Amino acid sequence: MIAVAQRCSRGLVTVGGERVGALADRGGLVVLVGVETGDGSANARKMGEKLAKLRVFEDAAGKMNLAVGDVGGSVLVVSQFTLAGDCSGGNRPSFIAAARPEQAEPLVQEVVETIRSLGLHVETGRFRTEMKVDLVNDGPVTLILRT
């Protein structure tokens, strides 16, 4: 499982012009999640815990030492199978490593539920649709996580 986590002051997902998910007013993390063949429940739980506890927000001393919950932020999770794309063989990505939607959807939902179980507000995009993701990256801070 792979995720791209971005510390954001604003985040919004729309489908067909309709708002389907957003960060709360205090900002937080916008997370793109890709599920790869062979990923399972353990990967999803580990990813959810890692995202909830990821210390990328500044404390009073200006150090990245606080997690999203510590700053009253929320999390916006957006599934993105293209994260499993492989561009090493040429100019057209191969998505052979991406999990089938039937496997990926429940695992992305398990990431979301794990984060929620740790007391955080989480909103999502809509699986298997063409989404527009609008965000303001704060810092910028962007990290790639793998489980």
N, C-alpha and C. Protein backbone atom coordinates (compact mmCIF):
# COMPACT_ATOMS: atom_id res chain seq x y z
N MET A 1 0.86 -1.16 0.00
CA MET A 1 0.00 0.00 0.00
C MET A 1 0.90 1.22 0.00
N ILE A 2 0.49 2.20 -0.76
CA ILE A 2 1.26 3.43 -0.88
C ILE A 2 0.33 4.61 -0.63
N ALA A 3 0.86 5.63 0.03
CA ALA A 3 0.08 6.83 0.27
C ALA A 3 0.96 8.06 0.07
N VAL A 4 0.36 9.11 -0.42
CA VAL A 4 1.00 10.41 -0.50
C VAL A 4 0.21 11.31 0.44
N ALA A 5 0.88 11.73 1.51
CA ALA A 5 0.24 12.57 2.53
C ALA A 5 0.75 13.99 2.39
N GLN A 6 -0.19 14.94 2.32
CA GLN A 6 0.16 16.34 2.19
C GLN A 6 -0.46 17.14 3.32
N ARG A 7 0.37 17.94 3.99
CA ARG A 7 -0.15 18.84 5.02
C ARG A 7 -0.80 20.01 4.28
N CYS A 8 -2.08 20.22 4.54
CA CYS A 8 -2.83 21.20 3.76
C CYS A 8 -3.64 22.14 4.65
N SER A 9 -3.76 23.37 4.19
CA SER A 9 -4.63 24.32 4.86
C SER A 9 -6.05 24.24 4.31
N ARG A 10 -6.18 23.63 3.11
CA ARG A 10 -7.49 23.46 2.49
C ARG A 10 -7.44 22.23 1.61
N GLY A 11 -8.56 21.49 1.56
CA GLY A 11 -8.67 20.33 0.69
C GLY A 11 -10.12 20.06 0.37
N LEU A 12 -10.40 19.76 -0.89
CA LEU A 12 -11.77 19.55 -1.35
C LEU A 12 -11.77 18.54 -2.49
N VAL A 13 -12.74 17.63 -2.49
CA VAL A 13 -12.93 16.68 -3.58
C VAL A 13 -14.33 16.87 -4.13
N THR A 14 -14.41 16.97 -5.46
CA THR A 14 -15.72 17.07 -6.11
C THR A 14 -15.83 15.99 -7.17
N VAL A 15 -17.07 15.57 -7.41
CA VAL A 15 -17.40 14.63 -8.48
C VAL A 15 -18.55 15.25 -9.26
N GLY A 16 -18.33 15.53 -10.53
CA GLY A 16 -19.36 16.15 -11.35
C GLY A 16 -19.83 17.48 -10.80
N GLY A 17 -18.93 18.23 -10.20
CA GLY A 17 -19.25 19.54 -9.63
C GLY A 17 -19.85 19.49 -8.24
N GLU A 18 -20.10 18.28 -7.70
CA GLU A 18 -20.68 18.12 -6.37
C GLU A 18 -19.58 17.86 -5.34
N ARG A 19 -19.61 18.60 -4.24
CA ARG A 19 -18.65 18.39 -3.15
C ARG A 19 -18.96 17.05 -2.50
N VAL A 20 -17.95 16.17 -2.43
CA VAL A 20 -18.15 14.87 -1.80
C VAL A 20 -17.30 14.71 -0.54
N GLY A 21 -16.27 15.51 -0.38
CA GLY A 21 -15.41 15.43 0.80
C GLY A 21 -14.55 16.66 0.90
N ALA A 22 -14.19 17.03 2.15
CA ALA A 22 -13.35 18.21 2.35
C ALA A 22 -12.69 18.14 3.72
N LEU A 23 -11.60 18.89 3.86
CA LEU A 23 -10.99 19.08 5.16
C LEU A 23 -11.84 20.06 5.95
N ALA A 24 -11.81 19.93 7.26
CA ALA A 24 -12.47 20.90 8.13
C ALA A 24 -11.73 22.23 8.06
N ASP A 25 -12.30 23.26 8.63
CA ASP A 25 -11.75 24.61 8.56
C ASP A 25 -10.31 24.74 9.04
N ARG A 26 -9.89 23.87 9.96
CA ARG A 26 -8.54 23.98 10.52
C ARG A 26 -7.48 23.29 9.66
N GLY A 27 -7.87 22.75 8.50
CA GLY A 27 -6.92 22.06 7.64
C GLY A 27 -6.62 20.67 8.15
N GLY A 28 -5.52 20.11 7.67
CA GLY A 28 -5.14 18.77 8.08
C GLY A 28 -4.32 18.07 7.03
N LEU A 29 -4.65 16.80 6.79
CA LEU A 29 -3.93 16.00 5.80
C LEU A 29 -4.83 15.62 4.64
N VAL A 30 -4.35 15.83 3.43
CA VAL A 30 -4.98 15.26 2.24
C VAL A 30 -4.11 14.07 1.87
N VAL A 31 -4.74 12.89 1.81
CA VAL A 31 -3.99 11.66 1.60
C VAL A 31 -4.53 10.93 0.38
N LEU A 32 -3.65 10.67 -0.57
CA LEU A 32 -3.96 9.85 -1.73
C LEU A 32 -3.49 8.44 -1.40
N VAL A 33 -4.37 7.43 -1.56
CA VAL A 33 -4.04 6.06 -1.18
C VAL A 33 -4.17 5.14 -2.39
N GLY A 34 -3.12 4.38 -2.64
CA GLY A 34 -3.12 3.38 -3.70
C GLY A 34 -2.92 2.00 -3.11
N VAL A 35 -3.75 1.06 -3.51
CA VAL A 35 -3.66 -0.32 -3.02
C VAL A 35 -2.99 -1.16 -4.10
N GLU A 36 -2.03 -1.95 -3.67
CA GLU A 36 -1.29 -2.79 -4.59
C GLU A 36 -1.67 -4.26 -4.39
N THR A 37 -1.49 -5.04 -5.45
CA THR A 37 -1.75 -6.48 -5.38
C THR A 37 -0.96 -7.06 -4.20
N GLY A 38 -1.61 -7.87 -3.41
CA GLY A 38 -0.96 -8.48 -2.25
C GLY A 38 -1.19 -7.73 -0.96
N ASP A 39 -1.71 -6.50 -1.03
CA ASP A 39 -2.01 -5.76 0.20
C ASP A 39 -3.20 -6.42 0.90
N GLY A 40 -3.22 -6.29 2.21
CA GLY A 40 -4.32 -6.85 2.98
C GLY A 40 -4.69 -5.96 4.14
N SER A 41 -5.49 -6.51 5.01
CA SER A 41 -6.02 -5.79 6.16
C SER A 41 -4.90 -5.23 7.05
N ALA A 42 -3.85 -5.99 7.25
CA ALA A 42 -2.74 -5.53 8.09
C ALA A 42 -2.10 -4.27 7.50
N ASN A 43 -1.95 -4.23 6.18
CA ASN A 43 -1.41 -3.04 5.52
C ASN A 43 -2.30 -1.84 5.76
N ALA A 44 -3.60 -2.05 5.63
CA ALA A 44 -4.56 -0.94 5.78
C ALA A 44 -4.55 -0.39 7.20
N ARG A 45 -4.55 -1.28 8.19
CA ARG A 45 -4.53 -0.82 9.58
C ARG A 45 -3.24 -0.08 9.89
N LYS A 46 -2.12 -0.61 9.43
CA LYS A 46 -0.83 0.03 9.67
C LYS A 46 -0.79 1.42 9.01
N MET A 47 -1.31 1.51 7.80
CA MET A 47 -1.32 2.80 7.11
C MET A 47 -2.19 3.81 7.85
N GLY A 48 -3.39 3.37 8.27
CA GLY A 48 -4.27 4.27 9.00
C GLY A 48 -3.64 4.78 10.28
N GLU A 49 -2.99 3.88 11.02
CA GLU A 49 -2.33 4.29 12.26
C GLU A 49 -1.18 5.24 11.99
N LYS A 50 -0.41 4.96 10.97
CA LYS A 50 0.73 5.81 10.62
C LYS A 50 0.25 7.21 10.25
N LEU A 51 -0.79 7.29 9.44
CA LEU A 51 -1.31 8.60 9.03
C LEU A 51 -1.86 9.39 10.21
N ALA A 52 -2.57 8.72 11.10
CA ALA A 52 -3.15 9.41 12.26
C ALA A 52 -2.08 9.94 13.20
N LYS A 53 -0.95 9.26 13.26
CA LYS A 53 0.11 9.64 14.21
C LYS A 53 1.26 10.39 13.58
N LEU A 54 1.19 10.63 12.28
CA LEU A 54 2.28 11.28 11.54
C LEU A 54 2.50 12.70 12.05
N ARG A 55 3.70 12.97 12.54
CA ARG A 55 3.99 14.28 13.15
C ARG A 55 4.59 15.23 12.10
N VAL A 56 3.70 15.95 11.43
CA VAL A 56 4.13 16.86 10.37
C VAL A 56 3.63 18.30 10.60
N PHE A 57 3.05 18.54 11.77
CA PHE A 57 2.57 19.88 12.10
C PHE A 57 3.50 20.49 13.14
N GLU A 58 3.69 21.80 13.03
CA GLU A 58 4.67 22.47 13.88
C GLU A 58 4.17 22.71 15.29
N ASP A 59 5.08 22.52 16.25
CA ASP A 59 4.78 22.85 17.63
C ASP A 59 5.15 24.31 17.89
N ALA A 60 5.10 24.75 19.13
CA ALA A 60 5.38 26.15 19.47
C ALA A 60 6.81 26.57 19.12
N ALA A 61 7.71 25.58 19.05
CA ALA A 61 9.11 25.87 18.72
C ALA A 61 9.37 25.83 17.21
N GLY A 62 8.32 25.57 16.42
CA GLY A 62 8.49 25.53 14.97
C GLY A 62 8.99 24.19 14.45
N LYS A 63 9.01 23.17 15.29
CA LYS A 63 9.45 21.84 14.88
C LYS A 63 8.25 21.00 14.46
N MET A 64 8.42 20.18 13.43
CA MET A 64 7.35 19.26 13.04
C MET A 64 7.29 18.16 14.10
N ASN A 65 6.39 18.37 15.06
CA ASN A 65 6.34 17.49 16.22
C ASN A 65 4.92 17.12 16.62
N LEU A 66 3.92 17.60 15.87
CA LEU A 66 2.53 17.37 16.22
C LEU A 66 1.81 16.59 15.12
N ALA A 67 0.87 15.75 15.54
CA ALA A 67 0.05 14.99 14.60
C ALA A 67 -1.22 15.79 14.29
N VAL A 68 -1.96 15.34 13.30
CA VAL A 68 -3.15 16.06 12.84
C VAL A 68 -4.16 16.26 13.97
N GLY A 69 -4.33 15.28 14.82
CA GLY A 69 -5.26 15.41 15.94
C GLY A 69 -4.81 16.42 16.97
N ASP A 70 -3.50 16.58 17.11
CA ASP A 70 -2.95 17.54 18.07
C ASP A 70 -3.26 18.97 17.70
N VAL A 71 -3.48 19.22 16.41
CA VAL A 71 -3.75 20.59 15.95
C VAL A 71 -5.23 20.80 15.61
N GLY A 72 -6.06 19.80 15.93
CA GLY A 72 -7.49 19.92 15.65
C GLY A 72 -7.84 19.80 14.18
N GLY A 73 -6.96 19.17 13.42
CA GLY A 73 -7.19 19.02 11.98
C GLY A 73 -7.99 17.78 11.65
N SER A 74 -8.27 17.62 10.37
CA SER A 74 -9.01 16.46 9.88
C SER A 74 -8.22 15.80 8.76
N VAL A 75 -8.78 14.74 8.21
CA VAL A 75 -8.10 13.98 7.16
C VAL A 75 -9.06 13.79 5.99
N LEU A 76 -8.56 14.00 4.79
CA LEU A 76 -9.32 13.76 3.57
C LEU A 76 -8.59 12.66 2.81
N VAL A 77 -9.24 11.50 2.67
CA VAL A 77 -8.63 10.34 2.02
C VAL A 77 -9.25 10.17 0.63
N VAL A 78 -8.38 10.06 -0.37
CA VAL A 78 -8.81 9.91 -1.76
C VAL A 78 -8.10 8.70 -2.34
N SER A 79 -8.88 7.73 -2.83
CA SER A 79 -8.27 6.56 -3.46
C SER A 79 -7.65 6.96 -4.79
N GLN A 80 -6.49 6.39 -5.10
CA GLN A 80 -5.82 6.73 -6.36
C GLN A 80 -4.97 5.55 -6.81
N PHE A 81 -5.55 4.73 -7.69
CA PHE A 81 -4.85 3.53 -8.15
C PHE A 81 -3.59 3.87 -8.93
N THR A 82 -3.48 5.07 -9.50
CA THR A 82 -2.31 5.42 -10.30
C THR A 82 -1.04 5.49 -9.48
N LEU A 83 -1.15 5.53 -8.15
CA LEU A 83 0.06 5.50 -7.32
C LEU A 83 0.82 4.20 -7.49
N ALA A 84 0.15 3.16 -7.91
CA ALA A 84 0.80 1.86 -8.14
C ALA A 84 1.38 1.77 -9.55
N GLY A 85 1.33 2.85 -10.30
CA GLY A 85 1.85 2.85 -11.66
C GLY A 85 3.36 2.72 -11.70
N ASP A 86 3.84 1.99 -12.69
CA ASP A 86 5.28 1.77 -12.89
C ASP A 86 5.67 2.40 -14.22
N CYS A 87 6.57 3.38 -14.16
CA CYS A 87 7.02 4.08 -15.37
C CYS A 87 8.44 3.70 -15.75
N SER A 88 8.97 2.64 -15.18
CA SER A 88 10.37 2.28 -15.43
C SER A 88 10.61 1.68 -16.80
N GLY A 89 9.58 1.13 -17.42
CA GLY A 89 9.78 0.43 -18.69
C GLY A 89 9.57 1.28 -19.92
N GLY A 90 9.14 2.49 -19.78
CA GLY A 90 8.88 3.33 -20.94
C GLY A 90 8.12 4.57 -20.53
N ASN A 91 7.42 5.14 -21.50
CA ASN A 91 6.72 6.39 -21.25
C ASN A 91 5.26 6.22 -20.87
N ARG A 92 4.74 5.02 -21.03
CA ARG A 92 3.35 4.76 -20.65
C ARG A 92 3.36 3.91 -19.38
N PRO A 93 2.73 4.39 -18.31
CA PRO A 93 2.75 3.63 -17.06
C PRO A 93 2.03 2.30 -17.16
N SER A 94 2.56 1.34 -16.43
CA SER A 94 1.92 0.04 -16.30
C SER A 94 1.24 0.00 -14.93
N PHE A 95 0.01 -0.47 -14.89
CA PHE A 95 -0.74 -0.54 -13.63
C PHE A 95 -0.94 -1.97 -13.18
N ILE A 96 -0.05 -2.85 -13.60
CA ILE A 96 -0.18 -4.26 -13.27
C ILE A 96 -0.08 -4.50 -11.76
N ALA A 97 0.62 -3.63 -11.03
CA ALA A 97 0.78 -3.79 -9.59
C ALA A 97 -0.43 -3.28 -8.80
N ALA A 98 -1.31 -2.55 -9.47
CA ALA A 98 -2.49 -2.01 -8.78
C ALA A 98 -3.49 -3.12 -8.49
N ALA A 99 -4.05 -3.08 -7.28
CA ALA A 99 -5.06 -4.07 -6.92
C ALA A 99 -6.34 -3.82 -7.70
N ARG A 100 -7.08 -4.88 -7.94
CA ARG A 100 -8.39 -4.77 -8.59
C ARG A 100 -9.31 -3.95 -7.69
N PRO A 101 -10.26 -3.22 -8.26
CA PRO A 101 -11.15 -2.39 -7.46
C PRO A 101 -11.88 -3.15 -6.35
N GLU A 102 -12.24 -4.39 -6.63
CA GLU A 102 -12.95 -5.19 -5.64
C GLU A 102 -12.11 -5.46 -4.39
N GLN A 103 -10.79 -5.52 -4.57
CA GLN A 103 -9.87 -5.70 -3.45
C GLN A 103 -9.53 -4.35 -2.82
N ALA A 104 -9.34 -3.35 -3.65
CA ALA A 104 -8.85 -2.05 -3.17
C ALA A 104 -9.88 -1.28 -2.35
N GLU A 105 -11.12 -1.26 -2.79
CA GLU A 105 -12.12 -0.43 -2.12
C GLU A 105 -12.28 -0.75 -0.64
N PRO A 106 -12.43 -2.03 -0.25
CA PRO A 106 -12.57 -2.30 1.19
C PRO A 106 -11.30 -1.97 1.98
N LEU A 107 -10.14 -2.07 1.35
CA LEU A 107 -8.90 -1.75 2.06
C LEU A 107 -8.75 -0.25 2.27
N VAL A 108 -9.14 0.56 1.27
CA VAL A 108 -9.13 2.01 1.46
C VAL A 108 -10.11 2.37 2.58
N GLN A 109 -11.27 1.72 2.59
CA GLN A 109 -12.25 1.98 3.64
C GLN A 109 -11.70 1.58 5.01
N GLU A 110 -10.90 0.53 5.05
CA GLU A 110 -10.30 0.11 6.32
C GLU A 110 -9.27 1.13 6.81
N VAL A 111 -8.54 1.75 5.89
CA VAL A 111 -7.64 2.85 6.27
C VAL A 111 -8.45 3.96 6.93
N VAL A 112 -9.55 4.33 6.28
CA VAL A 112 -10.42 5.40 6.78
C VAL A 112 -10.96 5.04 8.17
N GLU A 113 -11.47 3.83 8.33
CA GLU A 113 -12.04 3.42 9.61
C GLU A 113 -10.99 3.35 10.71
N THR A 114 -9.78 2.97 10.36
CA THR A 114 -8.70 2.95 11.35
C THR A 114 -8.41 4.36 11.84
N ILE A 115 -8.34 5.31 10.94
CA ILE A 115 -8.09 6.70 11.33
C ILE A 115 -9.23 7.20 12.20
N ARG A 116 -10.46 6.92 11.81
CA ARG A 116 -11.63 7.34 12.60
C ARG A 116 -11.60 6.71 14.00
N SER A 117 -11.19 5.45 14.08
CA SER A 117 -11.16 4.77 15.38
C SER A 117 -10.18 5.42 16.34
N LEU A 118 -9.26 6.21 15.81
CA LEU A 118 -8.29 6.93 16.63
C LEU A 118 -8.77 8.35 16.95
N GLY A 119 -10.05 8.61 16.68
CA GLY A 119 -10.68 9.85 17.11
C GLY A 119 -10.62 11.01 16.14
N LEU A 120 -10.22 10.75 14.91
CA LEU A 120 -10.09 11.85 13.94
C LEU A 120 -11.29 11.93 13.00
N HIS A 121 -11.58 13.14 12.57
CA HIS A 121 -12.63 13.35 11.57
C HIS A 121 -12.03 13.06 10.20
N VAL A 122 -12.69 12.18 9.44
CA VAL A 122 -12.20 11.79 8.12
C VAL A 122 -13.33 11.92 7.11
N GLU A 123 -13.01 12.54 5.98
CA GLU A 123 -13.91 12.54 4.84
C GLU A 123 -13.17 11.89 3.68
N THR A 124 -13.91 11.53 2.64
CA THR A 124 -13.31 10.77 1.54
C THR A 124 -13.78 11.30 0.19
N GLY A 125 -13.08 10.83 -0.82
CA GLY A 125 -13.56 10.99 -2.18
C GLY A 125 -14.58 9.89 -2.45
N ARG A 126 -14.86 9.66 -3.70
CA ARG A 126 -15.82 8.62 -4.08
C ARG A 126 -15.11 7.62 -4.98
N PHE A 127 -15.05 6.39 -4.53
CA PHE A 127 -14.33 5.32 -5.22
C PHE A 127 -14.91 5.09 -6.61
N ARG A 128 -14.04 4.80 -7.57
CA ARG A 128 -14.40 4.47 -8.96
C ARG A 128 -15.14 5.59 -9.69
N THR A 129 -14.79 6.83 -9.37
CA THR A 129 -15.34 7.97 -10.11
C THR A 129 -14.18 8.87 -10.51
N GLU A 130 -14.44 9.75 -11.44
CA GLU A 130 -13.45 10.75 -11.80
C GLU A 130 -13.62 11.92 -10.86
N MET A 131 -12.62 12.14 -10.03
CA MET A 131 -12.69 13.17 -9.00
C MET A 131 -11.78 14.34 -9.37
N LYS A 132 -12.16 15.49 -8.88
CA LYS A 132 -11.32 16.68 -8.94
C LYS A 132 -10.88 16.95 -7.51
N VAL A 133 -9.58 17.02 -7.30
CA VAL A 133 -9.03 17.27 -5.97
C VAL A 133 -8.40 18.65 -5.99
N ASP A 134 -8.88 19.50 -5.10
CA ASP A 134 -8.38 20.87 -4.98
C ASP A 134 -7.78 21.02 -3.59
N LEU A 135 -6.52 21.44 -3.52
CA LEU A 135 -5.89 21.56 -2.21
C LEU A 135 -4.88 22.69 -2.20
N VAL A 136 -4.59 23.14 -0.99
CA VAL A 136 -3.52 24.10 -0.77
C VAL A 136 -2.54 23.41 0.17
N ASN A 137 -1.38 23.04 -0.39
CA ASN A 137 -0.35 22.35 0.37
C ASN A 137 0.34 23.38 1.25
N ASP A 138 0.45 23.10 2.54
CA ASP A 138 0.99 24.02 3.52
C ASP A 138 2.45 23.65 3.80
N GLY A 139 3.36 24.49 3.40
CA GLY A 139 4.78 24.27 3.66
C GLY A 139 5.66 24.51 2.44
N PRO A 140 5.57 23.74 1.43
CA PRO A 140 4.80 22.51 1.24
C PRO A 140 5.42 21.35 2.01
N VAL A 141 4.54 20.50 2.51
CA VAL A 141 4.94 19.26 3.17
C VAL A 141 4.22 18.12 2.47
N THR A 142 5.00 17.23 1.85
CA THR A 142 4.46 16.07 1.15
C THR A 142 5.36 14.87 1.45
N LEU A 143 4.74 13.78 1.90
CA LEU A 143 5.49 12.57 2.23
C LEU A 143 4.88 11.36 1.54
N ILE A 144 5.74 10.42 1.16
CA ILE A 144 5.31 9.16 0.58
C ILE A 144 5.49 8.08 1.64
N LEU A 145 4.40 7.34 1.89
CA LEU A 145 4.43 6.28 2.91
C LEU A 145 4.10 4.95 2.23
N ARG A 146 4.77 3.89 2.67
CA ARG A 146 4.51 2.54 2.16
C ARG A 146 4.35 1.59 3.33
N THR A 147 3.42 0.64 3.18
CA THR A 147 3.32 -0.44 4.17
C THR A 147 3.46 -1.75 3.45
